[in-house]
Structure formats: C-alpha cells, structure tokens
N, C-alpha and C. Protein backbone atom coordinates (compact mmCIF):
# COMPACT_ATOMS: atom_id res chain seq x y z
N UNK A 1 11.26 -16.81 -1.56
CA UNK A 1 11.33 -15.42 -1.75
C UNK A 1 10.69 -15.16 -3.17
N UNK A 2 9.68 -14.23 -3.08
CA UNK A 2 9.08 -13.71 -4.33
C UNK A 2 10.03 -12.88 -4.91
N UNK A 3 9.94 -12.53 -6.28
CA UNK A 3 10.89 -11.86 -6.96
C UNK A 3 10.20 -10.71 -7.67
N UNK A 4 10.48 -9.45 -7.49
CA UNK A 4 9.91 -8.41 -8.20
C UNK A 4 10.93 -7.84 -9.13
N UNK A 5 10.94 -8.14 -10.38
CA UNK A 5 11.97 -7.61 -11.22
C UNK A 5 11.38 -6.43 -12.05
N UNK A 6 11.80 -5.38 -11.73
CA UNK A 6 11.34 -4.18 -12.32
C UNK A 6 12.06 -3.74 -13.68
N UNK A 7 13.23 -4.39 -13.81
CA UNK A 7 13.99 -4.27 -14.97
C UNK A 7 15.33 -4.93 -14.72
N UNK A 8 16.45 -4.51 -15.33
CA UNK A 8 17.69 -5.10 -15.10
C UNK A 8 18.37 -4.60 -13.92
N UNK A 9 19.32 -5.48 -13.44
CA UNK A 9 20.10 -4.94 -12.21
C UNK A 9 21.03 -3.90 -12.67
N UNK A 10 21.14 -2.85 -11.82
CA UNK A 10 21.99 -1.65 -12.12
C UNK A 10 23.25 -1.91 -11.15
N UNK A 11 24.41 -1.86 -11.76
CA UNK A 11 25.65 -1.95 -10.98
C UNK A 11 26.36 -0.52 -10.99
N UNK A 12 26.89 -0.50 -9.80
CA UNK A 12 27.55 0.92 -9.59
C UNK A 12 29.13 0.76 -9.49
N UNK A 13 29.61 1.87 -9.68
CA UNK A 13 31.21 1.87 -9.56
C UNK A 13 31.71 3.24 -9.21
N UNK A 14 32.91 3.34 -8.73
CA UNK A 14 33.39 4.61 -8.35
C UNK A 14 34.03 5.15 -9.58
N UNK A 15 33.90 6.45 -9.82
CA UNK A 15 34.69 7.08 -10.84
C UNK A 15 36.02 7.52 -10.27
N UNK A 16 36.87 7.87 -11.09
CA UNK A 16 38.27 8.29 -10.50
C UNK A 16 38.40 9.73 -10.55
N UNK A 17 37.24 10.46 -10.75
CA UNK A 17 37.37 11.90 -10.76
C UNK A 17 37.39 12.49 -9.33
N UNK A 18 38.06 13.48 -9.19
CA UNK A 18 38.11 14.18 -7.89
C UNK A 18 37.70 15.57 -7.93
N UNK A 19 36.87 16.11 -6.90
CA UNK A 19 36.48 17.43 -6.91
C UNK A 19 36.51 17.83 -5.42
N UNK A 20 37.45 18.81 -5.10
CA UNK A 20 37.61 19.09 -3.71
C UNK A 20 37.99 17.95 -2.81
N UNK A 21 38.79 17.10 -3.46
CA UNK A 21 39.32 15.81 -2.83
C UNK A 21 38.30 14.95 -2.34
N UNK A 22 37.08 14.99 -2.98
CA UNK A 22 36.08 14.05 -2.74
C UNK A 22 35.84 13.11 -3.88
N UNK A 23 35.73 11.71 -3.53
CA UNK A 23 35.41 10.81 -4.64
C UNK A 23 33.90 10.86 -5.06
N UNK A 24 33.71 10.96 -6.24
CA UNK A 24 32.31 10.99 -6.75
C UNK A 24 31.91 9.62 -7.06
N UNK A 25 30.55 9.37 -6.88
CA UNK A 25 29.93 8.12 -7.34
C UNK A 25 29.06 8.29 -8.56
N UNK A 26 29.18 7.40 -9.59
CA UNK A 26 28.26 7.58 -10.69
C UNK A 26 27.92 6.16 -11.01
N UNK A 27 26.79 5.98 -11.47
CA UNK A 27 26.18 4.79 -12.01
C UNK A 27 26.78 4.50 -13.35
N UNK A 28 27.26 3.23 -13.45
CA UNK A 28 27.81 2.92 -14.85
C UNK A 28 26.68 2.54 -15.71
N UNK A 29 26.46 3.25 -16.88
CA UNK A 29 25.61 2.82 -17.84
C UNK A 29 24.05 2.98 -17.63
N UNK A 30 23.76 3.70 -16.51
CA UNK A 30 22.22 3.82 -16.21
C UNK A 30 22.07 5.15 -15.73
N UNK A 31 21.40 5.99 -16.34
CA UNK A 31 21.09 7.33 -16.09
C UNK A 31 19.91 7.54 -14.99
N UNK A 32 19.21 6.39 -14.82
CA UNK A 32 18.16 6.46 -13.67
C UNK A 32 18.26 5.13 -12.93
N UNK A 33 17.55 5.07 -11.89
CA UNK A 33 17.63 3.96 -11.03
C UNK A 33 16.20 3.29 -10.97
N UNK A 34 15.56 3.34 -12.13
CA UNK A 34 14.22 2.82 -12.17
C UNK A 34 14.26 1.28 -12.64
N UNK A 35 15.47 0.87 -12.81
CA UNK A 35 15.64 -0.53 -13.28
C UNK A 35 16.31 -1.39 -12.30
N UNK A 36 15.74 -1.51 -11.17
CA UNK A 36 16.53 -2.19 -10.03
C UNK A 36 15.72 -3.53 -9.76
N UNK A 37 16.35 -4.48 -9.26
CA UNK A 37 15.90 -5.76 -8.93
C UNK A 37 15.45 -5.73 -7.55
N UNK A 38 14.08 -5.81 -7.18
CA UNK A 38 13.58 -5.74 -5.88
C UNK A 38 13.20 -7.24 -5.39
N UNK A 39 13.81 -7.67 -4.41
CA UNK A 39 13.55 -8.97 -3.77
C UNK A 39 12.51 -8.74 -2.57
N UNK A 40 11.51 -9.71 -2.59
CA UNK A 40 10.53 -9.77 -1.54
C UNK A 40 10.70 -11.03 -0.74
N UNK A 41 11.11 -10.74 0.61
CA UNK A 41 11.38 -11.74 1.45
C UNK A 41 10.12 -11.79 2.56
N UNK A 42 9.15 -12.64 2.15
CA UNK A 42 7.89 -12.70 2.99
C UNK A 42 8.15 -13.13 4.52
N UNK A 43 9.08 -14.20 4.54
CA UNK A 43 9.42 -14.63 5.87
C UNK A 43 9.93 -13.59 6.88
N UNK A 44 10.89 -12.73 6.24
CA UNK A 44 11.45 -11.71 7.10
C UNK A 44 10.76 -10.33 7.01
N UNK A 45 9.64 -10.28 6.25
CA UNK A 45 8.83 -9.20 5.97
C UNK A 45 9.63 -7.85 5.60
N UNK A 46 10.24 -8.03 4.49
CA UNK A 46 11.08 -6.96 3.97
C UNK A 46 11.24 -7.08 2.30
N UNK A 47 11.49 -5.92 1.87
CA UNK A 47 11.83 -5.79 0.49
C UNK A 47 13.20 -5.22 0.32
N UNK A 48 14.05 -5.83 -0.51
CA UNK A 48 15.49 -5.53 -0.53
C UNK A 48 15.95 -5.34 -1.94
N UNK A 49 16.84 -4.33 -2.09
CA UNK A 49 17.51 -4.12 -3.36
C UNK A 49 19.01 -4.28 -2.98
N UNK A 50 19.78 -5.10 -3.68
CA UNK A 50 21.26 -5.25 -3.43
C UNK A 50 21.95 -4.27 -4.39
N UNK A 51 22.80 -3.47 -3.80
CA UNK A 51 23.46 -2.52 -4.50
C UNK A 51 25.17 -2.90 -4.43
N UNK A 52 25.63 -3.09 -5.74
CA UNK A 52 26.92 -3.39 -5.82
C UNK A 52 27.82 -2.20 -6.34
N UNK A 53 28.60 -1.75 -5.44
CA UNK A 53 29.51 -0.52 -5.89
C UNK A 53 31.01 -1.06 -5.98
N UNK A 54 31.31 -1.45 -7.17
CA UNK A 54 32.74 -1.81 -7.39
C UNK A 54 33.09 -2.91 -6.50
N UNK A 55 32.19 -3.95 -6.31
CA UNK A 55 32.51 -4.99 -5.31
C UNK A 55 32.14 -4.88 -3.85
N UNK A 56 31.92 -3.55 -3.49
CA UNK A 56 31.39 -3.29 -2.07
C UNK A 56 29.87 -3.38 -2.17
N UNK A 57 29.18 -4.59 -1.66
CA UNK A 57 27.81 -4.75 -1.58
C UNK A 57 27.04 -4.15 -0.43
N UNK A 58 26.05 -3.45 -0.73
CA UNK A 58 25.27 -2.96 0.37
C UNK A 58 23.80 -3.08 0.00
N UNK A 59 22.87 -2.86 0.85
CA UNK A 59 21.47 -3.14 0.55
C UNK A 59 20.52 -2.00 0.99
N UNK A 60 19.52 -1.84 0.19
CA UNK A 60 18.48 -0.77 0.53
C UNK A 60 17.35 -1.73 1.08
N UNK A 61 16.50 -1.33 2.10
CA UNK A 61 15.69 -2.29 2.69
C UNK A 61 14.29 -1.48 3.06
N UNK A 62 13.10 -2.14 2.75
CA UNK A 62 11.90 -1.51 3.25
C UNK A 62 11.29 -2.64 4.07
N UNK A 63 10.98 -2.28 5.36
CA UNK A 63 10.46 -3.22 6.35
C UNK A 63 9.03 -3.06 6.58
N UNK A 64 8.30 -4.14 6.70
CA UNK A 64 6.89 -4.07 6.98
C UNK A 64 6.51 -5.23 8.04
N UNK A 65 5.28 -5.02 8.59
CA UNK A 65 4.78 -6.14 9.38
C UNK A 65 3.29 -6.43 8.97
N UNK A 66 2.89 -7.67 9.10
CA UNK A 66 1.53 -7.91 8.84
C UNK A 66 0.77 -8.36 10.17
N UNK A 67 -0.11 -7.55 10.51
CA UNK A 67 -1.04 -7.87 11.76
C UNK A 67 -1.92 -8.95 11.55
N UNK A 68 -2.53 -9.47 12.61
CA UNK A 68 -3.41 -10.61 12.49
C UNK A 68 -4.66 -10.30 11.74
N UNK A 69 -5.04 -9.06 11.58
CA UNK A 69 -6.23 -8.84 10.85
C UNK A 69 -5.80 -8.48 9.24
N UNK A 70 -4.73 -8.93 8.83
CA UNK A 70 -4.30 -8.75 7.61
C UNK A 70 -4.01 -7.35 7.01
N UNK A 71 -3.77 -6.62 8.02
CA UNK A 71 -3.33 -5.14 7.67
C UNK A 71 -1.83 -5.08 7.66
N UNK A 72 -1.37 -4.50 6.68
CA UNK A 72 0.22 -4.38 6.49
C UNK A 72 0.65 -2.92 7.14
N UNK A 73 1.65 -2.92 7.89
CA UNK A 73 2.05 -1.73 8.38
C UNK A 73 3.53 -1.58 7.70
N UNK A 74 3.65 -0.48 6.81
CA UNK A 74 4.89 -0.15 6.11
C UNK A 74 5.64 0.76 6.99
N UNK A 75 6.77 0.09 7.55
CA UNK A 75 7.38 0.70 8.71
C UNK A 75 8.51 1.76 8.37
N UNK A 76 9.39 1.29 7.48
CA UNK A 76 10.59 2.05 7.23
C UNK A 76 11.28 1.79 5.93
N UNK A 77 12.05 2.72 5.46
CA UNK A 77 12.96 2.46 4.22
C UNK A 77 14.32 2.97 4.71
N UNK A 78 15.35 2.10 4.34
CA UNK A 78 16.72 2.42 4.69
C UNK A 78 17.46 2.33 3.28
N UNK A 79 18.10 3.37 2.89
CA UNK A 79 18.95 3.45 1.76
C UNK A 79 20.41 4.00 2.09
N UNK A 80 21.36 3.27 1.64
CA UNK A 80 22.72 3.73 1.97
C UNK A 80 22.91 5.13 1.55
N UNK A 81 23.65 5.96 2.16
CA UNK A 81 23.86 7.45 1.96
C UNK A 81 24.28 7.60 0.48
N UNK A 82 25.11 6.70 -0.06
CA UNK A 82 25.80 6.91 -1.38
C UNK A 82 24.75 6.77 -2.49
N UNK A 83 23.60 6.07 -2.12
CA UNK A 83 22.47 5.98 -3.12
C UNK A 83 21.33 6.66 -2.96
N UNK A 84 21.33 7.65 -1.95
CA UNK A 84 20.13 8.41 -1.77
C UNK A 84 19.84 9.43 -2.84
N UNK A 85 18.60 9.70 -3.06
CA UNK A 85 18.21 10.78 -4.01
C UNK A 85 18.22 10.16 -5.48
N UNK A 86 18.42 8.90 -5.67
CA UNK A 86 18.51 8.29 -6.99
C UNK A 86 17.35 7.40 -7.27
N UNK A 87 16.29 7.42 -6.54
CA UNK A 87 15.14 6.63 -6.93
C UNK A 87 15.06 5.05 -6.33
N UNK A 88 16.03 4.81 -5.51
CA UNK A 88 16.12 3.51 -4.92
C UNK A 88 14.99 3.32 -3.99
N UNK A 89 14.64 4.22 -3.02
CA UNK A 89 13.63 4.02 -2.07
C UNK A 89 12.28 4.03 -2.81
N UNK A 90 12.28 4.90 -3.84
CA UNK A 90 10.91 4.77 -4.76
C UNK A 90 10.71 3.34 -5.30
N UNK A 91 11.60 2.58 -5.61
CA UNK A 91 11.52 1.34 -6.20
C UNK A 91 10.95 0.34 -5.13
N UNK A 92 11.57 0.48 -3.92
CA UNK A 92 11.25 -0.34 -2.79
C UNK A 92 9.66 0.08 -2.49
N UNK A 93 9.24 1.32 -2.34
CA UNK A 93 7.99 1.66 -2.13
C UNK A 93 6.93 1.11 -3.15
N UNK A 94 7.45 1.28 -4.42
CA UNK A 94 6.48 0.81 -5.40
C UNK A 94 6.23 -0.73 -5.27
N UNK A 95 7.24 -1.43 -5.09
CA UNK A 95 7.13 -2.93 -4.93
C UNK A 95 6.32 -3.26 -3.69
N UNK A 96 6.50 -2.64 -2.55
CA UNK A 96 5.70 -2.90 -1.37
C UNK A 96 4.19 -2.60 -1.64
N UNK A 97 3.98 -1.44 -2.15
CA UNK A 97 2.57 -0.91 -2.45
C UNK A 97 1.83 -1.86 -3.58
N UNK A 98 2.61 -2.26 -4.51
CA UNK A 98 2.16 -3.28 -5.41
C UNK A 98 1.70 -4.56 -4.85
N UNK A 99 2.58 -4.99 -3.93
CA UNK A 99 2.23 -6.22 -3.07
C UNK A 99 0.81 -6.07 -2.27
N UNK A 100 0.78 -4.93 -1.64
CA UNK A 100 -0.56 -4.50 -0.95
C UNK A 100 -1.68 -4.64 -1.89
N UNK A 101 -1.64 -4.10 -3.01
CA UNK A 101 -2.65 -4.08 -4.00
C UNK A 101 -2.96 -5.52 -4.43
N UNK A 102 -1.93 -6.23 -4.94
CA UNK A 102 -2.07 -7.51 -5.47
C UNK A 102 -2.76 -8.49 -4.50
N UNK A 103 -2.40 -8.24 -3.11
CA UNK A 103 -2.96 -9.22 -2.15
C UNK A 103 -4.33 -8.70 -1.64
N UNK A 104 -4.65 -7.47 -2.15
CA UNK A 104 -5.90 -6.97 -1.67
C UNK A 104 -5.92 -6.73 -0.17
N UNK A 105 -4.80 -6.12 0.31
CA UNK A 105 -4.68 -5.72 1.72
C UNK A 105 -4.89 -4.36 1.98
N UNK A 106 -4.96 -3.94 3.26
CA UNK A 106 -4.96 -2.61 3.70
C UNK A 106 -3.62 -2.31 4.16
N UNK A 107 -3.23 -1.09 4.16
CA UNK A 107 -1.86 -0.72 4.56
C UNK A 107 -1.99 0.59 5.52
N UNK A 108 -1.12 0.62 6.50
CA UNK A 108 -0.93 1.77 7.33
C UNK A 108 0.49 2.20 7.14
N UNK A 109 0.73 3.42 7.02
CA UNK A 109 2.11 3.86 6.66
C UNK A 109 2.79 4.51 7.88
N UNK A 110 3.88 3.96 8.28
CA UNK A 110 4.55 4.70 9.45
C UNK A 110 5.86 5.51 8.92
N UNK A 111 6.30 5.27 7.72
CA UNK A 111 7.45 5.74 7.13
C UNK A 111 7.12 7.06 6.38
N UNK A 112 7.85 8.08 6.54
CA UNK A 112 7.47 9.35 5.95
C UNK A 112 7.78 9.20 4.44
N UNK A 113 8.78 8.57 3.97
CA UNK A 113 9.05 8.51 2.68
C UNK A 113 7.96 7.72 1.82
N UNK A 114 7.35 6.65 2.29
CA UNK A 114 6.33 5.87 1.69
C UNK A 114 5.16 6.71 1.60
N UNK A 115 4.75 7.49 2.70
CA UNK A 115 3.65 8.56 2.62
C UNK A 115 3.82 9.42 1.62
N UNK A 116 4.97 9.98 1.34
CA UNK A 116 5.36 11.01 0.50
C UNK A 116 5.12 10.34 -1.02
N UNK A 117 5.66 9.00 -1.14
CA UNK A 117 5.51 8.39 -2.43
C UNK A 117 4.08 8.24 -2.86
N UNK A 118 3.19 7.86 -1.90
CA UNK A 118 1.84 7.73 -2.17
C UNK A 118 1.24 8.99 -2.57
N UNK A 119 1.48 9.99 -1.79
CA UNK A 119 0.84 11.27 -2.05
C UNK A 119 1.30 11.89 -3.34
N UNK A 120 2.60 11.69 -3.83
CA UNK A 120 3.11 12.25 -5.04
C UNK A 120 2.77 11.29 -6.22
N UNK A 121 2.14 10.31 -6.03
CA UNK A 121 1.71 9.42 -7.22
C UNK A 121 0.16 8.91 -7.05
N UNK A 122 -0.56 9.85 -7.04
CA UNK A 122 -1.95 9.47 -6.93
C UNK A 122 -2.63 8.70 -8.22
N UNK A 123 -1.98 8.89 -9.15
CA UNK A 123 -2.47 8.21 -10.39
C UNK A 123 -2.16 6.71 -10.31
N UNK A 124 -1.21 6.15 -9.36
CA UNK A 124 -1.14 4.75 -9.28
C UNK A 124 -2.05 3.95 -8.46
N UNK A 125 -3.15 4.76 -7.84
CA UNK A 125 -4.18 4.24 -7.15
C UNK A 125 -3.91 3.58 -5.81
N UNK A 126 -2.79 3.79 -5.22
CA UNK A 126 -2.51 3.18 -3.90
C UNK A 126 -3.28 3.74 -2.77
N UNK A 127 -3.88 4.94 -2.78
CA UNK A 127 -4.59 5.55 -1.74
C UNK A 127 -5.77 4.69 -1.26
N UNK A 128 -6.50 4.03 -2.17
CA UNK A 128 -7.67 3.20 -1.88
C UNK A 128 -7.23 2.05 -0.90
N UNK A 129 -6.00 1.67 -0.83
CA UNK A 129 -5.61 0.64 0.09
C UNK A 129 -4.84 1.18 1.44
N UNK A 130 -4.92 2.42 1.48
CA UNK A 130 -4.17 3.03 2.75
C UNK A 130 -5.30 3.48 3.84
N UNK A 131 -4.97 3.12 5.03
CA UNK A 131 -5.73 3.46 6.20
C UNK A 131 -4.95 4.52 7.02
N UNK A 132 -5.65 5.52 7.22
CA UNK A 132 -4.89 6.51 8.13
C UNK A 132 -4.85 6.11 9.54
N UNK A 133 -3.93 6.47 10.40
CA UNK A 133 -3.88 6.08 11.71
C UNK A 133 -4.99 6.69 12.61
C-alpha cells in the first residue's frame, strides 16, 4: 500500500454537550480536516481515511477502477454521515487526482463529488487529465 500523508492524523471524539437532546460531534484539536492520513490500496483500487471517534473506528473511501487502456474511472466517495461537510471527501479526491497526475493517466469521473472538486479547483490543473464521457 502506498501512503499519502497529507499531514497528521486527526482524531475525533464526542463532546458531552447536548442541544435539543442531540449529541454533538467536534474534532478535538483540529479546526479543519485538511490534515488527514490517506491510504492508497492499489490492489483493492481504493483510497481510505480511517476516522477514529472516541474508539469507534469508521472509514471514508474513494473507489476507482483502472481499465486495460490505463484509464482510471473515479467511481465513488463514501464518507460517514458524522464526518460529512468537513473536508474528508476533498482529501480523498485530492489524493486520487494527484495519483492520476503522478502516473500520467487519464481519468473518467462517475462520482458527482469528484466532478465538483475538479470544477471548484481549476488552479490545481486536474482538468488536463480528465476525459469526459
């Protein structure tokens, strides 16, 4: 497994605050989620971030396939509900797109989120490696 270390691991915990009888989640010591450890599993064709919430471990995953013509299809991102909207999927998308660029591959995007990430970050230069359907 290749390892994409974007910064330090971010650990999560539950706060003991209640609002309308709902438990709130907060990240301990990290105001943004741009410092996550993304693992690249080439054999299973996925990028994964392990999220530890007070001992309850879950994963965020970006799945892809590589066709015989060396074209990568970025298929889906899955982020646990409790971690959505915090930049976790963006870190997965960045790692996958960096992989496409580093390997000088072409990519097709099936996932709406990855398409949105590419469109919102034209300055990163990913568009040159994207093939539209």
